Every structure is written in structure tokens, then in C-alpha cells.
Amino acid sequence: MSNYKINSALLCEAFKALSNPHRLALFNRLLNCCAPGTKCSPAVAVRYCVGELGEGLDIAPSTLSHHLKELNRAGLVEMERKGKNVECWVEPAKLAKLTTFFKPVQND
């Protein structure tokens, strides 16, 4: 099966979301702080929870929220409110699809 037969609309949404440098940086930080599918919560990785994901990116909290919502809309990041905190994590199924897209096709 060709890697290019993966749902192109879903891939376009993901790549569109990642085309913004701030969103790409946020996504990368989530990948590095927690294994995909693992919530990046205060109990797991304090320095990379939502309020602190934007540190060093020079973006306002409202802009950070917008970027996380765009990543969520594209299905790349899941978010869950727990009291005053918002836990977020990389969606492993979507990450697997992106990874599959870039793998070389095996011609058997």
C-alpha cells in the first residue's frame, strides 16, 4: 500500500497546523516532555504544562491558547481541563499516521 493513500484531508489539516513555527515548537515540546498518549500534567512534567509551554516563545497566553486549540482541532493534541489546569498530550494515533506517511514504501 502506498503511503500516499492515507487520508489526504487529515494529513493536510495536520501539516497546516504544524506549518506555524509557534505551533511546531509547542508540538515538539509536548513530544519531548511526555511519551505520545501520556498527559503532560503537573504530576508528570511541571515545566511543560499548558501555562508554561509557551515560555521562551515570546507569545501571549491567549495566543498560546489559540495555537493549542489549532493543534487540538487538527487532532494532533488532546486537551483536558482538570480544575484550573489544562492537561495536554500528543495524540499517538495521529502521530503514527504522520510517521507512516514519511516511511519509505516497501516494494515486495
PDB file of N, CA and C in Angstrom:
ATOM      1  N   MET A   1       0.834  -1.180   0.000  1.00  0.00           N
ATOM      2  CA  MET A   1       0.000   0.000   0.000  1.00  0.00           C
ATOM      3  C   MET A   1       0.882   1.248   0.000  1.00  0.00           C
ATOM      4  N   SER A   2       0.549   2.181  -0.830  1.00  0.00           N
ATOM      5  CA  SER A   2       1.301   3.421  -0.902  1.00  0.00           C
ATOM      6  C   SER A   2       1.048   4.275   0.332  1.00  0.00           C
ATOM      7  N   ASN A   3       2.092   4.903   0.818  1.00  0.00           N
ATOM      8  CA  ASN A   3       1.939   5.802   1.958  1.00  0.00           C
ATOM      9  C   ASN A   3       1.122   7.034   1.585  1.00  0.00           C
ATOM     10  N   TYR A   4       0.983   7.307   0.295  1.00  0.00           N
ATOM     11  CA  TYR A   4       0.261   8.483  -0.155  1.00  0.00           C
ATOM     12  C   TYR A   4      -1.241   8.251  -0.221  1.00  0.00           C
ATOM     13  N   LYS A   5      -1.709   7.040   0.066  1.00  0.00           N
ATOM     14  CA  LYS A   5      -3.134   6.745   0.063  1.00  0.00           C
ATOM     15  C   LYS A   5      -3.770   6.986   1.429  1.00  0.00           C
ATOM     16  N   ILE A   6      -2.980   7.408   2.388  1.00  0.00           N
ATOM     17  CA  ILE A   6      -3.509   7.771   3.698  1.00  0.00           C
ATOM     18  C   ILE A   6      -4.405   8.989   3.482  1.00  0.00           C
ATOM     19  N   ASN A   7      -5.462   9.110   4.242  1.00  0.00           N
ATOM     20  CA  ASN A   7      -6.433  10.185   4.082  1.00  0.00           C
ATOM     21  C   ASN A   7      -5.736  11.541   3.943  1.00  0.00           C
ATOM     22  N   SER A   8      -5.749  12.076   2.727  1.00  0.00           N
ATOM     23  CA  SER A   8      -5.018  13.316   2.461  1.00  0.00           C
ATOM     24  C   SER A   8      -5.625  14.521   3.170  1.00  0.00           C
ATOM     25  N   ALA A   9      -6.938  14.532   3.383  1.00  0.00           N
ATOM     26  CA  ALA A   9      -7.559  15.659   4.087  1.00  0.00           C
ATOM     27  C   ALA A   9      -7.056  15.739   5.529  1.00  0.00           C
ATOM     28  N   LEU A  10      -6.930  14.577   6.183  1.00  0.00           N
ATOM     29  CA  LEU A  10      -6.423  14.561   7.559  1.00  0.00           C
ATOM     30  C   LEU A  10      -4.968  15.012   7.615  1.00  0.00           C
ATOM     31  N   LEU A  11      -4.183  14.560   6.655  1.00  0.00           N
ATOM     32  CA  LEU A  11      -2.773  14.961   6.618  1.00  0.00           C
ATOM     33  C   LEU A  11      -2.637  16.458   6.363  1.00  0.00           C
ATOM     34  N   CYS A  12      -3.463  16.982   5.464  1.00  0.00           N
ATOM     35  CA  CYS A  12      -3.406  18.418   5.175  1.00  0.00           C
ATOM     36  C   CYS A  12      -3.703  19.243   6.418  1.00  0.00           C
ATOM     37  N   GLU A  13      -4.703  18.832   7.194  1.00  0.00           N
ATOM     38  CA  GLU A  13      -5.028  19.546   8.432  1.00  0.00           C
ATOM     39  C   GLU A  13      -3.853  19.507   9.412  1.00  0.00           C
ATOM     40  N   ALA A  14      -3.231  18.351   9.527  1.00  0.00           N
ATOM     41  CA  ALA A  14      -2.100  18.214  10.448  1.00  0.00           C
ATOM     42  C   ALA A  14      -0.921  19.071   9.994  1.00  0.00           C
ATOM     43  N   PHE A  15      -0.580  18.998   8.711  1.00  0.00           N
ATOM     44  CA  PHE A  15       0.553  19.775   8.209  1.00  0.00           C
ATOM     45  C   PHE A  15       0.272  21.275   8.262  1.00  0.00           C
ATOM     46  N   LYS A  16      -0.985  21.652   8.018  1.00  0.00           N
ATOM     47  CA  LYS A  16      -1.359  23.063   8.113  1.00  0.00           C
ATOM     48  C   LYS A  16      -1.152  23.560   9.544  1.00  0.00           C
ATOM     49  N   ALA A  17      -1.584  22.766  10.509  1.00  0.00           N
ATOM     50  CA  ALA A  17      -1.414  23.153  11.913  1.00  0.00           C
ATOM     51  C   ALA A  17       0.061  23.260  12.278  1.00  0.00           C
ATOM     52  N   LEU A  18       0.873  22.367  11.759  1.00  0.00           N
ATOM     53  CA  LEU A  18       2.302  22.356  12.092  1.00  0.00           C
ATOM     54  C   LEU A  18       3.116  23.357  11.277  1.00  0.00           C
ATOM     55  N   SER A  19       2.483  24.010  10.294  1.00  0.00           N
ATOM     56  CA  SER A  19       3.222  24.945   9.446  1.00  0.00           C
ATOM     57  C   SER A  19       3.537  26.262  10.160  1.00  0.00           C
ATOM     58  N   ASN A  20       2.885  26.518  11.277  1.00  0.00           N
ATOM     59  CA  ASN A  20       3.175  27.712  12.062  1.00  0.00           C
ATOM     60  C   ASN A  20       4.353  27.417  12.993  1.00  0.00           C
ATOM     61  N   PRO A  21       5.374  28.253  12.988  1.00  0.00           N
ATOM     62  CA  PRO A  21       6.559  27.981  13.819  1.00  0.00           C
ATOM     63  C   PRO A  21       6.258  27.830  15.312  1.00  0.00           C
ATOM     64  N   HIS A  22       5.325  28.625  15.840  1.00  0.00           N
ATOM     65  CA  HIS A  22       4.989  28.503  17.263  1.00  0.00           C
ATOM     66  C   HIS A  22       4.281  27.186  17.550  1.00  0.00           C
ATOM     67  N   ARG A  23       3.361  26.782  16.671  1.00  0.00           N
ATOM     68  CA  ARG A  23       2.657  25.511  16.885  1.00  0.00           C
ATOM     69  C   ARG A  23       3.621  24.342  16.757  1.00  0.00           C
ATOM     70  N   LEU A  24       4.539  24.426  15.812  1.00  0.00           N
ATOM     71  CA  LEU A  24       5.534  23.364  15.657  1.00  0.00           C
ATOM     72  C   LEU A  24       6.398  23.268  16.913  1.00  0.00           C
ATOM     73  N   ALA A  25       6.791  24.412  17.460  1.00  0.00           N
ATOM     74  CA  ALA A  25       7.599  24.418  18.689  1.00  0.00           C
ATOM     75  C   ALA A  25       6.811  23.840  19.862  1.00  0.00           C
ATOM     76  N   LEU A  26       5.535  24.199  19.984  1.00  0.00           N
ATOM     77  CA  LEU A  26       4.694  23.655  21.056  1.00  0.00           C
ATOM     78  C   LEU A  26       4.534  22.148  20.915  1.00  0.00           C
ATOM     79  N   PHE A  27       4.282  21.692  19.688  1.00  0.00           N
ATOM     80  CA  PHE A  27       4.122  20.260  19.428  1.00  0.00           C
ATOM     81  C   PHE A  27       5.409  19.517  19.779  1.00  0.00           C
ATOM     82  N   ASN A  28       6.539  20.089  19.398  1.00  0.00           N
ATOM     83  CA  ASN A  28       7.836  19.481  19.689  1.00  0.00           C
ATOM     84  C   ASN A  28       8.082  19.410  21.197  1.00  0.00           C
ATOM     85  N   ARG A  29       7.711  20.445  21.922  1.00  0.00           N
ATOM     86  CA  ARG A  29       7.877  20.427  23.378  1.00  0.00           C
ATOM     87  C   ARG A  29       7.019  19.339  24.012  1.00  0.00           C
ATOM     88  N   LEU A  30       5.793  19.174  23.511  1.00  0.00           N
ATOM     89  CA  LEU A  30       4.937  18.113  24.041  1.00  0.00           C
ATOM     90  C   LEU A  30       5.516  16.738  23.729  1.00  0.00           C
ATOM     91  N   LEU A  31       6.071  16.576  22.535  1.00  0.00           N
ATOM     92  CA  LEU A  31       6.699  15.297  22.180  1.00  0.00           C
ATOM     93  C   LEU A  31       7.873  14.993  23.099  1.00  0.00           C
ATOM     94  N   ASN A  32       8.632  16.019  23.453  1.00  0.00           N
ATOM     95  CA  ASN A  32       9.831  15.820  24.268  1.00  0.00           C
ATOM     96  C   ASN A  32       9.552  15.698  25.755  1.00  0.00           C
ATOM     97  N   CYS A  33       8.424  16.224  26.219  1.00  0.00           N
ATOM     98  CA  CYS A  33       8.166  16.163  27.664  1.00  0.00           C
ATOM     99  C   CYS A  33       7.483  14.866  28.064  1.00  0.00           C
ATOM    100  N   CYS A  34       6.702  14.298  27.178  1.00  0.00           N
ATOM    101  CA  CYS A  34       5.922  13.106  27.524  1.00  0.00           C
ATOM    102  C   CYS A  34       5.871  12.162  26.332  1.00  0.00           C
ATOM    103  N   ALA A  35       5.774  10.889  26.603  1.00  0.00           N
ATOM    104  CA  ALA A  35       5.559   9.920  25.528  1.00  0.00           C
ATOM    105  C   ALA A  35       4.187  10.183  24.928  1.00  0.00           C
ATOM    106  N   PRO A  36       4.025  10.053  23.591  1.00  0.00           N
ATOM    107  CA  PRO A  36       2.708  10.245  22.993  1.00  0.00           C
ATOM    108  C   PRO A  36       1.647   9.426  23.721  1.00  0.00           C
ATOM    109  N   GLY A  37       0.529  10.087  24.012  1.00  0.00           N
ATOM    110  CA  GLY A  37      -0.551   9.434  24.734  1.00  0.00           C
ATOM    111  C   GLY A  37      -0.471   9.623  26.237  1.00  0.00           C
ATOM    112  N   THR A  38       0.647  10.163  26.725  1.00  0.00           N
ATOM    113  CA  THR A  38       0.831  10.421  28.150  1.00  0.00           C
ATOM    114  C   THR A  38       0.499  11.876  28.421  1.00  0.00           C
ATOM    115  N   LYS A  39      -0.351  12.133  29.374  1.00  0.00           N
ATOM    116  CA  LYS A  39      -0.742  13.504  29.686  1.00  0.00           C
ATOM    117  C   LYS A  39       0.435  14.277  30.261  1.00  0.00           C
ATOM    118  N   CYS A  40       0.593  15.482  29.773  1.00  0.00           N
ATOM    119  CA  CYS A  40       1.625  16.379  30.286  1.00  0.00           C
ATOM    120  C   CYS A  40       0.986  17.191  31.399  1.00  0.00           C
ATOM    121  N   SER A  41       0.908  16.611  32.562  1.00  0.00           N
ATOM    122  CA  SER A  41       0.214  17.227  33.692  1.00  0.00           C
ATOM    123  C   SER A  41       1.214  17.643  34.760  1.00  0.00           C
ATOM    124  N   PRO A  42       0.774  18.445  35.720  1.00  0.00           N
ATOM    125  CA  PRO A  42       1.696  18.855  36.787  1.00  0.00           C
ATOM    126  C   PRO A  42       2.350  17.675  37.495  1.00  0.00           C
ATOM    127  N   ALA A  43       1.656  16.565  37.582  1.00  0.00           N
ATOM    128  CA  ALA A  43       2.213  15.389  38.257  1.00  0.00           C
ATOM    129  C   ALA A  43       3.294  14.723  37.417  1.00  0.00           C
ATOM    130  N   VAL A  44       3.269  14.953  36.101  1.00  0.00           N
ATOM    131  CA  VAL A  44       4.203  14.279  35.201  1.00  0.00           C
ATOM    132  C   VAL A  44       5.369  15.180  34.816  1.00  0.00           C
ATOM    133  N   ALA A  45       5.086  16.373  34.358  1.00  0.00           N
ATOM    134  CA  ALA A  45       6.151  17.252  33.873  1.00  0.00           C
ATOM    135  C   ALA A  45       5.750  18.705  34.092  1.00  0.00           C
ATOM    136  N   VAL A  46       5.992  19.222  35.258  1.00  0.00           N
ATOM    137  CA  VAL A  46       5.540  20.557  35.630  1.00  0.00           C
ATOM    138  C   VAL A  46       5.983  21.613  34.628  1.00  0.00           C
ATOM    139  N   ARG A  47       7.203  21.566  34.193  1.00  0.00           N
ATOM    140  CA  ARG A  47       7.709  22.652  33.354  1.00  0.00           C
ATOM    141  C   ARG A  47       7.084  22.709  31.973  1.00  0.00           C
ATOM    142  N   TYR A  48       6.392  21.677  31.549  1.00  0.00           N
ATOM    143  CA  TYR A  48       5.812  21.678  30.217  1.00  0.00           C
ATOM    144  C   TYR A  48       4.297  21.617  30.202  1.00  0.00           C
ATOM    145  N   CYS A  49       3.637  22.017  31.280  1.00  0.00           N
ATOM    146  CA  CYS A  49       2.182  22.068  31.258  1.00  0.00           C
ATOM    147  C   CYS A  49       1.737  23.348  30.568  1.00  0.00           C
ATOM    148  N   VAL A  50       0.474  23.391  30.190  1.00  0.00           N
ATOM    149  CA  VAL A  50      -0.038  24.422  29.298  1.00  0.00           C
ATOM    150  C   VAL A  50       0.464  25.826  29.604  1.00  0.00           C
ATOM    151  N   GLY A  51       0.366  26.261  30.839  1.00  0.00           N
ATOM    152  CA  GLY A  51       0.785  27.618  31.167  1.00  0.00           C
ATOM    153  C   GLY A  51       2.244  27.899  30.889  1.00  0.00           C
ATOM    154  N   GLU A  52       3.048  26.875  30.855  1.00  0.00           N
ATOM    155  CA  GLU A  52       4.487  27.071  30.689  1.00  0.00           C
ATOM    156  C   GLU A  52       5.010  26.591  29.338  1.00  0.00           C
ATOM    157  N   LEU A  53       4.152  26.017  28.513  1.00  0.00           N
ATOM    158  CA  LEU A  53       4.606  25.544  27.205  1.00  0.00           C
ATOM    159  C   LEU A  53       5.143  26.676  26.333  1.00  0.00           C
ATOM    160  N   GLY A  54       4.587  27.868  26.513  1.00  0.00           N
ATOM    161  CA  GLY A  54       4.985  28.993  25.677  1.00  0.00           C
ATOM    162  C   GLY A  54       6.222  29.729  26.137  1.00  0.00           C
ATOM    163  N   GLU A  55       6.801  29.320  27.269  1.00  0.00           N
ATOM    164  CA  GLU A  55       7.992  30.011  27.771  1.00  0.00           C
ATOM    165  C   GLU A  55       9.109  29.991  26.731  1.00  0.00           C
ATOM    166  N   GLY A  56       9.696  31.151  26.528  1.00  0.00           N
ATOM    167  CA  GLY A  56      10.783  31.266  25.566  1.00  0.00           C
ATOM    168  C   GLY A  56      10.307  31.464  24.135  1.00  0.00           C
ATOM    169  N   LEU A  57       8.997  31.370  23.905  1.00  0.00           N
ATOM    170  CA  LEU A  57       8.474  31.563  22.550  1.00  0.00           C
ATOM    171  C   LEU A  57       7.996  32.994  22.327  1.00  0.00           C
ATOM    172  N   ASP A  58       7.969  33.781  23.388  1.00  0.00           N
ATOM    173  CA  ASP A  58       7.562  35.181  23.298  1.00  0.00           C
ATOM    174  C   ASP A  58       6.150  35.334  22.733  1.00  0.00           C
ATOM    175  N   ILE A  59       5.212  34.536  23.255  1.00  0.00           N
ATOM    176  CA  ILE A  59       3.821  34.663  22.830  1.00  0.00           C
ATOM    177  C   ILE A  59       2.929  34.863  24.056  1.00  0.00           C
ATOM    178  N   ALA A  60       1.852  35.604  23.856  1.00  0.00           N
ATOM    179  CA  ALA A  60       0.903  35.888  24.934  1.00  0.00           C
ATOM    180  C   ALA A  60       0.129  34.627  25.298  1.00  0.00           C
ATOM    181  N   PRO A  61      -0.374  34.544  26.525  1.00  0.00           N
ATOM    182  CA  PRO A  61      -1.168  33.378  26.929  1.00  0.00           C
ATOM    183  C   PRO A  61      -2.368  33.119  26.015  1.00  0.00           C
ATOM    184  N   SER A  62      -3.018  34.190  25.540  1.00  0.00           N
ATOM    185  CA  SER A  62      -4.163  33.999  24.641  1.00  0.00           C
ATOM    186  C   SER A  62      -3.723  33.405  23.306  1.00  0.00           C
ATOM    187  N   THR A  63      -2.548  33.799  22.834  1.00  0.00           N
ATOM    188  CA  THR A  63      -2.012  33.248  21.587  1.00  0.00           C
ATOM    189  C   THR A  63      -1.610  31.795  21.782  1.00  0.00           C
ATOM    190  N   LEU A  64      -1.032  31.492  22.928  1.00  0.00           N
ATOM    191  CA  LEU A  64      -0.686  30.110  23.259  1.00  0.00           C
ATOM    192  C   LEU A  64      -1.933  29.241  23.233  1.00  0.00           C
ATOM    193  N   SER A  65      -2.998  29.740  23.845  1.00  0.00           N
ATOM    194  CA  SER A  65      -4.266  29.015  23.870  1.00  0.00           C
ATOM    195  C   SER A  65      -4.788  28.781  22.457  1.00  0.00           C
ATOM    196  N   HIS A  66      -4.703  29.803  21.613  1.00  0.00           N
ATOM    197  CA  HIS A  66      -5.145  29.670  20.218  1.00  0.00           C
ATOM    198  C   HIS A  66      -4.347  28.589  19.492  1.00  0.00           C
ATOM    199  N   HIS A  67      -3.037  28.604  19.650  1.00  0.00           N
ATOM    200  CA  HIS A  67      -2.192  27.615  18.969  1.00  0.00           C
ATOM    201  C   HIS A  67      -2.499  26.195  19.454  1.00  0.00           C
ATOM    202  N   LEU A  68      -2.706  26.033  20.747  1.00  0.00           N
ATOM    203  CA  LEU A  68      -3.049  24.704  21.267  1.00  0.00           C
ATOM    204  C   LEU A  68      -4.407  24.240  20.741  1.00  0.00           C
ATOM    205  N   LYS A  69      -5.350  25.167  20.618  1.00  0.00           N
ATOM    206  CA  LYS A  69      -6.660  24.812  20.058  1.00  0.00           C
ATOM    207  C   LYS A  69      -6.537  24.390  18.598  1.00  0.00           C
ATOM    208  N   GLU A  70      -5.665  25.040  17.843  1.00  0.00           N
ATOM    209  CA  GLU A  70      -5.447  24.657  16.444  1.00  0.00           C
ATOM    210  C   GLU A  70      -4.822  23.259  16.354  1.00  0.00           C
ATOM    211  N   LEU A  71      -3.866  22.976  17.221  1.00  0.00           N
ATOM    212  CA  LEU A  71      -3.269  21.636  17.249  1.00  0.00           C
ATOM    213  C   LEU A  71      -4.311  20.596  17.654  1.00  0.00           C
ATOM    214  N   ASN A  72      -5.188  20.973  18.570  1.00  0.00           N
ATOM    215  CA  ASN A  72      -6.266  20.086  19.000  1.00  0.00           C
ATOM    216  C   ASN A  72      -7.266  19.862  17.867  1.00  0.00           C
ATOM    217  N   ARG A  73      -7.636  20.929  17.168  1.00  0.00           N
ATOM    218  CA  ARG A  73      -8.579  20.832  16.055  1.00  0.00           C
ATOM    219  C   ARG A  73      -8.048  19.916  14.953  1.00  0.00           C
ATOM    220  N   ALA A  74      -6.741  19.946  14.747  1.00  0.00           N
ATOM    221  CA  ALA A  74      -6.116  19.093  13.731  1.00  0.00           C
ATOM    222  C   ALA A  74      -5.953  17.658  14.218  1.00  0.00           C
ATOM    223  N   GLY A  75      -6.292  17.409  15.479  1.00  0.00           N
ATOM    224  CA  GLY A  75      -6.203  16.057  16.022  1.00  0.00           C
ATOM    225  C   GLY A  75      -4.816  15.657  16.486  1.00  0.00           C
ATOM    226  N   LEU A  76      -3.902  16.605  16.548  1.00  0.00           N
ATOM    227  CA  LEU A  76      -2.528  16.299  16.946  1.00  0.00           C
ATOM    228  C   LEU A  76      -2.344  16.283  18.458  1.00  0.00           C
ATOM    229  N   VAL A  77      -3.137  17.086  19.151  1.00  0.00           N
ATOM    230  CA  VAL A  77      -3.009  17.235  20.594  1.00  0.00           C
ATOM    231  C   VAL A  77      -4.384  17.066  21.233  1.00  0.00           C
ATOM    232  N   GLU A  78      -4.421  16.349  22.329  1.00  0.00           N
ATOM    233  CA  GLU A  78      -5.648  16.222  23.123  1.00  0.00           C
ATOM    234  C   GLU A  78      -5.491  17.107  24.352  1.00  0.00           C
ATOM    235  N   MET A  79      -6.616  17.665  24.811  1.00  0.00           N
ATOM    236  CA  MET A  79      -6.587  18.552  25.971  1.00  0.00           C
ATOM    237  C   MET A  79      -7.721  18.187  26.915  1.00  0.00           C
ATOM    238  N   GLU A  80      -7.445  18.312  28.219  1.00  0.00           N
ATOM    239  CA  GLU A  80      -8.456  18.007  29.228  1.00  0.00           C
ATOM    240  C   GLU A  80      -8.284  18.953  30.410  1.00  0.00           C
ATOM    241  N   ARG A  81      -9.366  19.625  30.777  1.00  0.00           N
ATOM    242  CA  ARG A  81      -9.316  20.549  31.912  1.00  0.00           C
ATOM    243  C   ARG A  81      -9.452  19.775  33.211  1.00  0.00           C
ATOM    244  N   LYS A  82      -8.559  20.073  34.143  1.00  0.00           N
ATOM    245  CA  LYS A  82      -8.589  19.496  35.495  1.00  0.00           C
ATOM    246  C   LYS A  82      -8.497  20.654  36.475  1.00  0.00           C
ATOM    247  N   GLY A  83      -9.646  21.146  36.933  1.00  0.00           N
ATOM    248  CA  GLY A  83      -9.650  22.300  37.823  1.00  0.00           C
ATOM    249  C   GLY A  83      -9.145  23.528  37.096  1.00  0.00           C
ATOM    250  N   LYS A  84      -8.105  24.156  37.628  1.00  0.00           N
ATOM    251  CA  LYS A  84      -7.521  25.339  36.990  1.00  0.00           C
ATOM    252  C   LYS A  84      -6.485  24.975  35.936  1.00  0.00           C
ATOM    253  N   ASN A  85      -6.082  23.738  35.894  1.00  0.00           N
ATOM    254  CA  ASN A  85      -5.046  23.301  34.958  1.00  0.00           C
ATOM    255  C   ASN A  85      -5.654  22.675  33.712  1.00  0.00           C
ATOM    256  N   VAL A  86      -4.923  22.761  32.628  1.00  0.00           N
ATOM    257  CA  VAL A  86      -5.298  22.066  31.400  1.00  0.00           C
ATOM    258  C   VAL A  86      -4.176  21.097  31.081  1.00  0.00           C
ATOM    259  N   GLU A  87      -4.508  19.824  31.058  1.00  0.00           N
ATOM    260  CA  GLU A  87      -3.528  18.799  30.697  1.00  0.00           C
ATOM    261  C   GLU A  87      -3.592  18.605  29.188  1.00  0.00           C
ATOM    262  N   CYS A  88      -2.451  18.394  28.583  1.00  0.00           N
ATOM    263  CA  CYS A  88      -2.434  18.157  27.141  1.00  0.00           C
ATOM    264  C   CYS A  88      -1.390  17.102  26.816  1.00  0.00           C
ATOM    265  N   TRP A  89      -1.621  16.430  25.697  1.00  0.00           N
ATOM    266  CA  TRP A  89      -0.718  15.371  25.272  1.00  0.00           C
ATOM    267  C   TRP A  89      -0.851  15.174  23.777  1.00  0.00           C
ATOM    268  N   VAL A  90       0.179  14.594  23.180  1.00  0.00           N
ATOM    269  CA  VAL A  90       0.181  14.291  21.749  1.00  0.00           C
ATOM    270  C   VAL A  90      -0.693  13.069  21.517  1.00  0.00           C
ATOM    271  N   GLU A  91      -1.535  13.145  20.501  1.00  0.00           N
ATOM    272  CA  GLU A  91      -2.414  12.038  20.146  1.00  0.00           C
ATOM    273  C   GLU A  91      -1.591  10.980  19.400  1.00  0.00           C
ATOM    274  N   PRO A  92      -1.367   9.797  19.996  1.00  0.00           N
ATOM    275  CA  PRO A  92      -0.476   8.800  19.397  1.00  0.00           C
ATOM    276  C   PRO A  92      -0.960   8.249  18.055  1.00  0.00           C
ATOM    277  N   ALA A  93      -2.262   8.107  17.864  1.00  0.00           N
ATOM    278  CA  ALA A  93      -2.763   7.553  16.594  1.00  0.00           C
ATOM    279  C   ALA A  93      -2.458   8.496  15.433  1.00  0.00           C
ATOM    280  N   LYS A  94      -2.640   9.794  15.644  1.00  0.00           N
ATOM    281  CA  LYS A  94      -2.361  10.767  14.582  1.00  0.00           C
ATOM    282  C   LYS A  94      -0.863  10.844  14.315  1.00  0.00           C
ATOM    283  N   LEU A  95      -0.066  10.768  15.366  1.00  0.00           N
ATOM    284  CA  LEU A  95       1.383  10.777  15.204  1.00  0.00           C
ATOM    285  C   LEU A  95       1.831   9.565  14.397  1.00  0.00           C
ATOM    286  N   ALA A  96       1.218   8.419  14.641  1.00  0.00           N
ATOM    287  CA  ALA A  96       1.549   7.202  13.891  1.00  0.00           C
ATOM    288  C   ALA A  96       1.230   7.377  12.409  1.00  0.00           C
ATOM    289  N   LYS A  97       0.107   8.038  12.094  1.00  0.00           N
ATOM    290  CA  LYS A  97      -0.249   8.272  10.687  1.00  0.00           C
ATOM    291  C   LYS A  97       0.762   9.191  10.017  1.00  0.00           C
ATOM    292  N   LEU A  98       1.181  10.233  10.725  1.00  0.00           N
ATOM    293  CA  LEU A  98       2.188  11.136  10.161  1.00  0.00           C
ATOM    294  C   LEU A  98       3.502  10.402   9.932  1.00  0.00           C
ATOM    295  N   THR A  99       3.883   9.571  10.881  1.00  0.00           N
ATOM    296  CA  THR A  99       5.120   8.800  10.770  1.00  0.00           C
ATOM    297  C   THR A  99       5.044   7.842   9.589  1.00  0.00           C
ATOM    298  N   THR A 100       3.907   7.185   9.429  1.00  0.00           N
ATOM    299  CA  THR A 100       3.716   6.244   8.322  1.00  0.00           C
ATOM    300  C   THR A 100       3.848   6.953   6.981  1.00  0.00           C
ATOM    301  N   PHE A 101       3.347   8.172   6.896  1.00  0.00           N
ATOM    302  CA  PHE A 101       3.411   8.934   5.651  1.00  0.00           C
ATOM    303  C   PHE A 101       4.850   9.125   5.185  1.00  0.00           C
ATOM    304  N   PHE A 102       5.768   9.289   6.124  1.00  0.00           N
ATOM    305  CA  PHE A 102       7.156   9.552   5.766  1.00  0.00           C
ATOM    306  C   PHE A 102       8.034   8.309   5.671  1.00  0.00           C
ATOM    307  N   LYS A 103       7.478   7.151   5.972  1.00  0.00           N
ATOM    308  CA  LYS A 103       8.262   5.923   5.855  1.00  0.00           C
ATOM    309  C   LYS A 103       8.369   5.525   4.392  1.00  0.00           C
ATOM    310  N   PRO A 104       9.506   4.969   3.989  1.00  0.00           N
ATOM    311  CA  PRO A 104       9.637   4.512   2.609  1.00  0.00           C
ATOM    312  C   PRO A 104       8.675   3.355   2.336  1.00  0.00           C
ATOM    313  N   VAL A 105       8.171   3.327   1.121  1.00  0.00           N
ATOM    314  CA  VAL A 105       7.257   2.258   0.718  1.00  0.00           C
ATOM    315  C   VAL A 105       8.068   1.005   0.426  1.00  0.00           C
ATOM    316  N   GLN A 106       7.630  -0.125   0.975  1.00  0.00           N
ATOM    317  CA  GLN A 106       8.284  -1.412   0.735  1.00  0.00           C
ATOM    318  C   GLN A 106       7.688  -2.042  -0.521  1.00  0.00           C
ATOM    319  N   ASN A 107       8.480  -2.286  -1.515  1.00  0.00           N
ATOM    320  CA  ASN A 107       8.017  -2.954  -2.733  1.00  0.00           C
ATOM    321  C   ASN A 107       8.410  -4.410  -2.663  1.00  0.00           C
ATOM    322  N   ASP A 108       7.450  -5.240  -2.265  1.00  0.00           N
ATOM    323  CA  ASP A 108       7.733  -6.675  -2.137  1.00  0.00           C
ATOM    324  C   ASP A 108       7.360  -7.418  -3.387  1.00  0.00           C
TER     325      ASP A 108
END
